[in-house]
C-alpha cells in the first residue's frame, strides 16, 4: 500500500479520523496476492490461484468437521453454537436463534509473537 504524505488544513476531528484510518489499515485480498507474488517470485495469477486453492481446501475440511492446523500460524476448527433466545433491539420481542456451526480460528505461537512485536514498534 502506498500512501502519499501531504499536508492539509483540517480540523482536529478530521486529523484524528485520518490517523485512525492509517494506523488501523486492513490488507485486502488483492494486496495479499500482490505481496505473495512479490515474496515468492510467482506471477500474480499463480499467487491468486494458490491462495484460492488454500482457502478452498480449508473450507472443504471445515465442512467435513475436521480441524486444519498450520503449526506456528494457527488452527482452523468448527464450533457448535447452542440454540438460544435473543432480543430484537427495535421491538424488544424475543427471537429464537437456532443452533449452528461456525468456523473458529486460534492463532498459533509464531503469529502471537509477531503481533506482540508489531505492538511494541508502535
N, C-alpha and C. Protein backbone atom coordinates (compact mmCIF):
# COMPACT_ATOMS: atom_id res chain seq x y z
N UNK A 1 0.84 -1.17 0.00
CA UNK A 1 0.00 0.00 0.00
C UNK A 1 0.88 1.23 0.00
N UNK A 2 0.56 2.19 -0.83
CA UNK A 2 1.30 3.42 -0.92
C UNK A 2 0.41 4.57 -0.50
N UNK A 3 0.82 5.31 0.50
CA UNK A 3 0.07 6.48 0.94
C UNK A 3 0.97 7.68 0.78
N UNK A 4 0.51 8.63 -0.01
CA UNK A 4 1.27 9.83 -0.26
C UNK A 4 1.07 10.79 0.90
N UNK A 5 2.17 11.33 1.43
CA UNK A 5 2.07 12.25 2.55
C UNK A 5 1.91 13.67 2.00
N UNK A 6 0.84 14.31 2.39
CA UNK A 6 0.58 15.70 2.03
C UNK A 6 0.09 16.40 3.28
N UNK A 7 0.32 17.71 3.33
CA UNK A 7 -0.20 18.44 4.48
C UNK A 7 -1.51 19.10 4.07
N UNK A 8 -2.49 18.96 4.91
CA UNK A 8 -3.80 19.53 4.68
C UNK A 8 -4.19 20.38 5.88
N UNK A 9 -4.96 21.39 5.64
CA UNK A 9 -5.51 22.18 6.73
C UNK A 9 -6.88 21.57 7.03
N UNK A 10 -7.04 21.03 8.24
CA UNK A 10 -8.30 20.40 8.61
C UNK A 10 -8.48 20.45 10.12
N UNK A 11 -9.65 20.12 10.56
CA UNK A 11 -9.96 20.17 11.98
C UNK A 11 -9.27 19.04 12.74
N UNK A 12 -9.25 19.16 14.04
CA UNK A 12 -8.64 18.13 14.89
C UNK A 12 -9.37 16.81 14.75
N UNK A 13 -10.71 16.87 14.64
CA UNK A 13 -11.50 15.66 14.50
C UNK A 13 -11.15 14.94 13.20
N UNK A 14 -11.01 15.70 12.11
CA UNK A 14 -10.66 15.10 10.82
C UNK A 14 -9.27 14.48 10.88
N UNK A 15 -8.33 15.16 11.53
CA UNK A 15 -6.97 14.61 11.67
C UNK A 15 -7.01 13.29 12.44
N UNK A 16 -7.82 13.24 13.50
CA UNK A 16 -7.95 12.01 14.30
C UNK A 16 -8.50 10.88 13.45
N UNK A 17 -9.50 11.16 12.63
CA UNK A 17 -10.09 10.14 11.76
C UNK A 17 -9.05 9.63 10.77
N UNK A 18 -8.30 10.55 10.16
CA UNK A 18 -7.26 10.16 9.18
C UNK A 18 -6.20 9.30 9.85
N UNK A 19 -5.75 9.68 11.03
CA UNK A 19 -4.74 8.91 11.75
C UNK A 19 -5.27 7.51 12.06
N UNK A 20 -6.52 7.42 12.51
CA UNK A 20 -7.11 6.11 12.81
C UNK A 20 -7.18 5.23 11.57
N UNK A 21 -7.53 5.82 10.44
CA UNK A 21 -7.60 5.06 9.20
C UNK A 21 -6.21 4.54 8.82
N UNK A 22 -5.20 5.37 8.92
CA UNK A 22 -3.85 4.98 8.51
C UNK A 22 -3.23 3.96 9.47
N UNK A 23 -3.52 4.06 10.76
CA UNK A 23 -2.90 3.14 11.71
C UNK A 23 -3.65 1.82 11.82
N UNK A 24 -4.91 1.78 11.42
CA UNK A 24 -5.70 0.56 11.50
C UNK A 24 -6.03 0.03 10.12
N UNK A 25 -5.09 0.16 9.20
CA UNK A 25 -5.30 -0.28 7.83
C UNK A 25 -5.42 -1.80 7.78
N UNK A 26 -6.36 -2.28 6.98
CA UNK A 26 -6.56 -3.71 6.82
C UNK A 26 -6.21 -4.10 5.39
N UNK A 27 -5.33 -5.09 5.25
CA UNK A 27 -4.92 -5.55 3.92
C UNK A 27 -6.06 -6.34 3.29
N UNK A 28 -6.35 -6.06 2.02
CA UNK A 28 -7.41 -6.80 1.34
C UNK A 28 -6.81 -7.96 0.54
N UNK A 29 -7.67 -8.73 -0.11
CA UNK A 29 -7.24 -9.94 -0.81
C UNK A 29 -6.27 -9.63 -1.95
N UNK A 30 -6.55 -8.58 -2.72
CA UNK A 30 -5.68 -8.21 -3.84
C UNK A 30 -4.29 -7.85 -3.35
N UNK A 31 -4.21 -7.09 -2.25
CA UNK A 31 -2.91 -6.71 -1.71
C UNK A 31 -2.17 -7.93 -1.16
N UNK A 32 -2.89 -8.87 -0.59
CA UNK A 32 -2.26 -10.10 -0.10
C UNK A 32 -1.70 -10.91 -1.27
N UNK A 33 -2.46 -11.01 -2.36
CA UNK A 33 -1.99 -11.72 -3.55
C UNK A 33 -0.73 -11.05 -4.09
N UNK A 34 -0.73 -9.72 -4.17
CA UNK A 34 0.44 -8.98 -4.66
C UNK A 34 1.66 -9.23 -3.78
N UNK A 35 1.46 -9.23 -2.45
CA UNK A 35 2.57 -9.48 -1.53
C UNK A 35 3.10 -10.90 -1.69
N UNK A 36 2.20 -11.88 -1.84
CA UNK A 36 2.62 -13.27 -2.04
C UNK A 36 3.43 -13.40 -3.32
N UNK A 37 2.95 -12.77 -4.39
CA UNK A 37 3.65 -12.85 -5.68
C UNK A 37 5.04 -12.24 -5.58
N UNK A 38 5.13 -11.12 -4.88
CA UNK A 38 6.42 -10.43 -4.74
C UNK A 38 7.40 -11.26 -3.92
N UNK A 39 6.94 -11.87 -2.83
CA UNK A 39 7.83 -12.63 -1.95
C UNK A 39 8.24 -13.97 -2.52
N UNK A 40 7.38 -14.57 -3.35
CA UNK A 40 7.68 -15.91 -3.87
C UNK A 40 8.24 -15.89 -5.28
N UNK A 41 8.09 -14.76 -5.97
CA UNK A 41 8.54 -14.71 -7.36
C UNK A 41 7.52 -15.30 -8.33
N UNK A 42 6.34 -15.64 -7.81
CA UNK A 42 5.26 -16.17 -8.66
C UNK A 42 4.59 -15.01 -9.39
N UNK A 43 3.86 -15.35 -10.43
CA UNK A 43 3.04 -14.32 -11.06
C UNK A 43 1.85 -14.06 -10.15
N UNK A 44 1.20 -12.92 -10.36
CA UNK A 44 0.02 -12.59 -9.55
C UNK A 44 -1.10 -13.59 -9.80
N UNK A 45 -1.23 -14.06 -11.03
CA UNK A 45 -2.26 -15.04 -11.38
C UNK A 45 -2.01 -16.35 -10.63
N UNK A 46 -0.75 -16.80 -10.61
CA UNK A 46 -0.40 -18.04 -9.92
C UNK A 46 -0.57 -17.89 -8.41
N UNK A 47 -0.19 -16.73 -7.87
CA UNK A 47 -0.34 -16.49 -6.43
C UNK A 47 -1.82 -16.48 -6.04
N UNK A 48 -2.65 -15.88 -6.88
CA UNK A 48 -4.09 -15.84 -6.60
C UNK A 48 -4.68 -17.25 -6.65
N UNK A 49 -4.25 -18.05 -7.63
CA UNK A 49 -4.73 -19.42 -7.75
C UNK A 49 -4.31 -20.25 -6.53
N UNK A 50 -3.07 -20.06 -6.07
CA UNK A 50 -2.58 -20.80 -4.91
C UNK A 50 -3.35 -20.41 -3.66
N UNK A 51 -3.60 -19.12 -3.48
CA UNK A 51 -4.33 -18.66 -2.30
C UNK A 51 -5.77 -19.16 -2.33
N UNK A 52 -6.42 -19.09 -3.49
CA UNK A 52 -7.79 -19.59 -3.61
C UNK A 52 -7.87 -21.09 -3.34
N UNK A 53 -6.87 -21.84 -3.81
CA UNK A 53 -6.83 -23.28 -3.56
C UNK A 53 -6.65 -23.56 -2.07
N UNK A 54 -5.83 -22.76 -1.41
CA UNK A 54 -5.61 -22.92 0.03
C UNK A 54 -6.91 -22.66 0.79
N UNK A 55 -7.58 -21.56 0.48
CA UNK A 55 -8.84 -21.23 1.15
C UNK A 55 -9.90 -22.28 0.87
N UNK A 56 -9.98 -22.76 -0.35
CA UNK A 56 -10.98 -23.78 -0.71
C UNK A 56 -10.72 -25.08 0.05
N UNK A 57 -9.47 -25.46 0.17
CA UNK A 57 -9.11 -26.69 0.89
C UNK A 57 -9.46 -26.58 2.37
N UNK A 58 -9.16 -25.42 2.96
CA UNK A 58 -9.50 -25.21 4.37
C UNK A 58 -11.02 -25.29 4.54
N UNK A 59 -11.78 -24.64 3.65
CA UNK A 59 -13.25 -24.66 3.73
C UNK A 59 -13.79 -26.08 3.58
N UNK A 60 -13.23 -26.87 2.66
CA UNK A 60 -13.67 -28.25 2.48
C UNK A 60 -13.49 -29.07 3.75
N UNK A 61 -12.33 -28.92 4.37
CA UNK A 61 -12.04 -29.68 5.59
C UNK A 61 -12.96 -29.26 6.73
N UNK A 62 -13.22 -27.96 6.84
CA UNK A 62 -14.13 -27.48 7.89
C UNK A 62 -15.55 -27.98 7.65
N UNK A 63 -15.97 -28.04 6.38
CA UNK A 63 -17.29 -28.57 6.07
C UNK A 63 -17.42 -30.04 6.45
N UNK A 64 -16.31 -30.77 6.44
CA UNK A 64 -16.30 -32.17 6.86
C UNK A 64 -16.23 -32.29 8.38
N UNK A 65 -16.07 -31.15 9.08
CA UNK A 65 -15.98 -31.17 10.53
C UNK A 65 -14.57 -31.40 11.05
N UNK A 66 -13.57 -31.30 10.18
CA UNK A 66 -12.19 -31.55 10.58
C UNK A 66 -11.46 -30.25 10.91
N UNK A 67 -10.39 -30.36 11.69
CA UNK A 67 -9.54 -29.22 12.02
C UNK A 67 -8.44 -29.10 10.96
N UNK A 68 -7.98 -27.88 10.76
CA UNK A 68 -6.82 -27.63 9.90
C UNK A 68 -5.81 -26.89 10.76
N UNK A 69 -4.68 -27.54 11.03
CA UNK A 69 -3.66 -26.97 11.90
C UNK A 69 -2.42 -26.62 11.08
N UNK A 70 -2.05 -25.36 11.11
CA UNK A 70 -0.84 -24.88 10.45
C UNK A 70 0.11 -24.48 11.57
N UNK A 71 1.04 -25.35 11.89
CA UNK A 71 1.90 -25.17 13.06
C UNK A 71 2.63 -23.84 12.97
N UNK A 72 2.54 -23.08 14.06
CA UNK A 72 3.16 -21.76 14.14
C UNK A 72 2.24 -20.65 13.68
N UNK A 73 1.29 -20.95 12.80
CA UNK A 73 0.37 -19.93 12.29
C UNK A 73 -0.93 -19.95 13.06
N UNK A 74 -1.59 -21.13 13.10
CA UNK A 74 -2.84 -21.22 13.83
C UNK A 74 -3.65 -22.44 13.44
N UNK A 75 -4.82 -22.57 14.05
CA UNK A 75 -5.69 -23.72 13.82
C UNK A 75 -7.10 -23.25 13.48
N UNK A 76 -7.62 -23.77 12.37
CA UNK A 76 -9.00 -23.54 11.98
C UNK A 76 -9.80 -24.73 12.47
N UNK A 77 -10.97 -24.46 13.07
CA UNK A 77 -11.81 -25.55 13.56
C UNK A 77 -13.28 -25.14 13.45
N UNK A 78 -14.15 -26.10 13.75
CA UNK A 78 -15.59 -25.86 13.72
C UNK A 78 -16.12 -25.94 15.14
N UNK A 79 -16.92 -24.97 15.53
CA UNK A 79 -17.54 -24.97 16.85
C UNK A 79 -19.05 -24.96 16.67
N UNK A 80 -19.73 -25.57 17.63
CA UNK A 80 -21.19 -25.60 17.57
C UNK A 80 -21.76 -24.62 18.57
N UNK A 81 -22.62 -23.75 18.10
CA UNK A 81 -23.31 -22.81 18.98
C UNK A 81 -24.68 -23.38 19.31
N UNK A 82 -25.05 -23.32 20.57
CA UNK A 82 -26.34 -23.83 21.01
C UNK A 82 -27.46 -22.89 20.58
N UNK A 83 -28.66 -23.44 20.50
CA UNK A 83 -29.84 -22.61 20.23
C UNK A 83 -30.05 -21.69 21.43
N UNK A 84 -30.52 -20.49 21.17
CA UNK A 84 -30.72 -19.53 22.26
C UNK A 84 -31.85 -18.57 21.93
N UNK A 85 -32.24 -17.82 22.90
CA UNK A 85 -33.26 -16.80 22.70
C UNK A 85 -32.59 -15.44 22.79
N UNK A 86 -32.79 -14.61 21.76
CA UNK A 86 -32.21 -13.28 21.72
C UNK A 86 -33.34 -12.25 21.77
N UNK A 87 -32.96 -11.00 21.86
CA UNK A 87 -33.95 -9.93 21.94
C UNK A 87 -33.79 -9.00 20.74
N UNK A 88 -34.87 -8.74 20.02
CA UNK A 88 -34.85 -7.79 18.91
C UNK A 88 -34.70 -6.39 19.50
N UNK A 89 -33.62 -5.66 19.16
CA UNK A 89 -33.38 -4.36 19.78
C UNK A 89 -34.43 -3.30 19.40
N UNK A 90 -35.07 -3.44 18.25
CA UNK A 90 -36.06 -2.44 17.83
C UNK A 90 -37.42 -2.65 18.50
N UNK A 91 -37.84 -3.91 18.57
CA UNK A 91 -39.18 -4.18 19.10
C UNK A 91 -39.16 -4.73 20.53
N UNK A 92 -38.04 -5.28 20.95
CA UNK A 92 -37.94 -5.88 22.27
C UNK A 92 -38.51 -7.30 22.32
N UNK A 93 -38.97 -7.79 21.17
CA UNK A 93 -39.56 -9.13 21.11
C UNK A 93 -38.48 -10.20 21.20
N UNK A 94 -38.82 -11.33 21.79
CA UNK A 94 -37.90 -12.46 21.89
C UNK A 94 -37.82 -13.16 20.53
N UNK A 95 -36.61 -13.49 20.13
CA UNK A 95 -36.38 -14.16 18.85
C UNK A 95 -35.59 -15.43 19.13
N UNK A 96 -36.03 -16.54 18.56
CA UNK A 96 -35.31 -17.80 18.73
C UNK A 96 -34.20 -17.88 17.69
N UNK A 97 -32.97 -18.07 18.16
CA UNK A 97 -31.81 -18.23 17.28
C UNK A 97 -31.48 -19.72 17.25
N UNK A 98 -31.52 -20.35 16.09
CA UNK A 98 -31.28 -21.79 16.03
C UNK A 98 -29.80 -22.13 16.28
N UNK A 99 -29.55 -23.37 16.63
CA UNK A 99 -28.18 -23.86 16.79
C UNK A 99 -27.50 -23.84 15.43
N UNK A 100 -26.20 -23.58 15.42
CA UNK A 100 -25.47 -23.60 14.16
C UNK A 100 -24.00 -23.89 14.39
N UNK A 101 -23.33 -24.25 13.32
CA UNK A 101 -21.90 -24.49 13.36
C UNK A 101 -21.20 -23.27 12.78
N UNK A 102 -20.10 -22.86 13.44
CA UNK A 102 -19.34 -21.69 12.99
C UNK A 102 -17.86 -22.05 12.90
N UNK A 103 -17.16 -21.36 12.02
CA UNK A 103 -15.72 -21.55 11.90
C UNK A 103 -15.01 -20.74 12.97
N UNK A 104 -13.94 -21.32 13.52
CA UNK A 104 -13.13 -20.65 14.53
C UNK A 104 -11.68 -20.65 14.07
N UNK A 105 -10.93 -19.66 14.54
CA UNK A 105 -9.50 -19.62 14.28
C UNK A 105 -8.80 -19.29 15.57
N UNK A 106 -7.80 -20.10 15.92
CA UNK A 106 -6.98 -19.84 17.09
C UNK A 106 -5.56 -19.58 16.61
N UNK A 107 -5.04 -18.41 16.92
CA UNK A 107 -3.71 -18.02 16.47
C UNK A 107 -2.64 -18.91 17.09
N UNK A 108 -1.64 -19.25 16.30
CA UNK A 108 -0.51 -20.05 16.77
C UNK A 108 0.55 -19.19 17.42
N UNK A 109 1.56 -19.82 17.97
CA UNK A 109 2.59 -19.11 18.73
C UNK A 109 3.37 -18.09 17.88
N UNK A 110 3.74 -18.44 16.66
CA UNK A 110 4.50 -17.50 15.83
C UNK A 110 3.68 -16.27 15.48
N UNK A 111 2.40 -16.45 15.24
CA UNK A 111 1.52 -15.34 14.90
C UNK A 111 1.32 -14.43 16.11
N UNK A 112 1.21 -14.99 17.29
CA UNK A 112 1.05 -14.21 18.52
C UNK A 112 2.31 -13.40 18.79
N UNK A 113 3.47 -14.01 18.62
CA UNK A 113 4.75 -13.32 18.84
C UNK A 113 4.89 -12.17 17.84
N UNK A 114 4.52 -12.39 16.58
CA UNK A 114 4.61 -11.34 15.57
C UNK A 114 3.69 -10.17 15.91
N UNK A 115 2.51 -10.46 16.43
CA UNK A 115 1.56 -9.41 16.79
C UNK A 115 2.09 -8.59 17.96
N UNK A 116 2.68 -9.26 18.95
CA UNK A 116 3.24 -8.55 20.10
C UNK A 116 4.40 -7.67 19.68
N UNK A 117 5.24 -8.15 18.76
CA UNK A 117 6.36 -7.37 18.27
C UNK A 117 5.88 -6.14 17.51
N UNK A 118 4.83 -6.29 16.74
CA UNK A 118 4.28 -5.17 15.99
C UNK A 118 3.71 -4.10 16.94
N UNK A 119 3.10 -4.53 18.03
CA UNK A 119 2.56 -3.58 19.01
C UNK A 119 3.66 -2.79 19.67
N UNK A 120 4.81 -3.45 19.96
CA UNK A 120 5.92 -2.77 20.62
C UNK A 120 6.53 -1.68 19.73
N UNK A 121 6.50 -1.87 18.40
CA UNK A 121 7.04 -0.88 17.46
C UNK A 121 6.23 0.40 17.48
N UNK A 122 4.92 0.29 17.75
CA UNK A 122 4.06 1.48 17.76
C UNK A 122 4.30 2.25 18.99
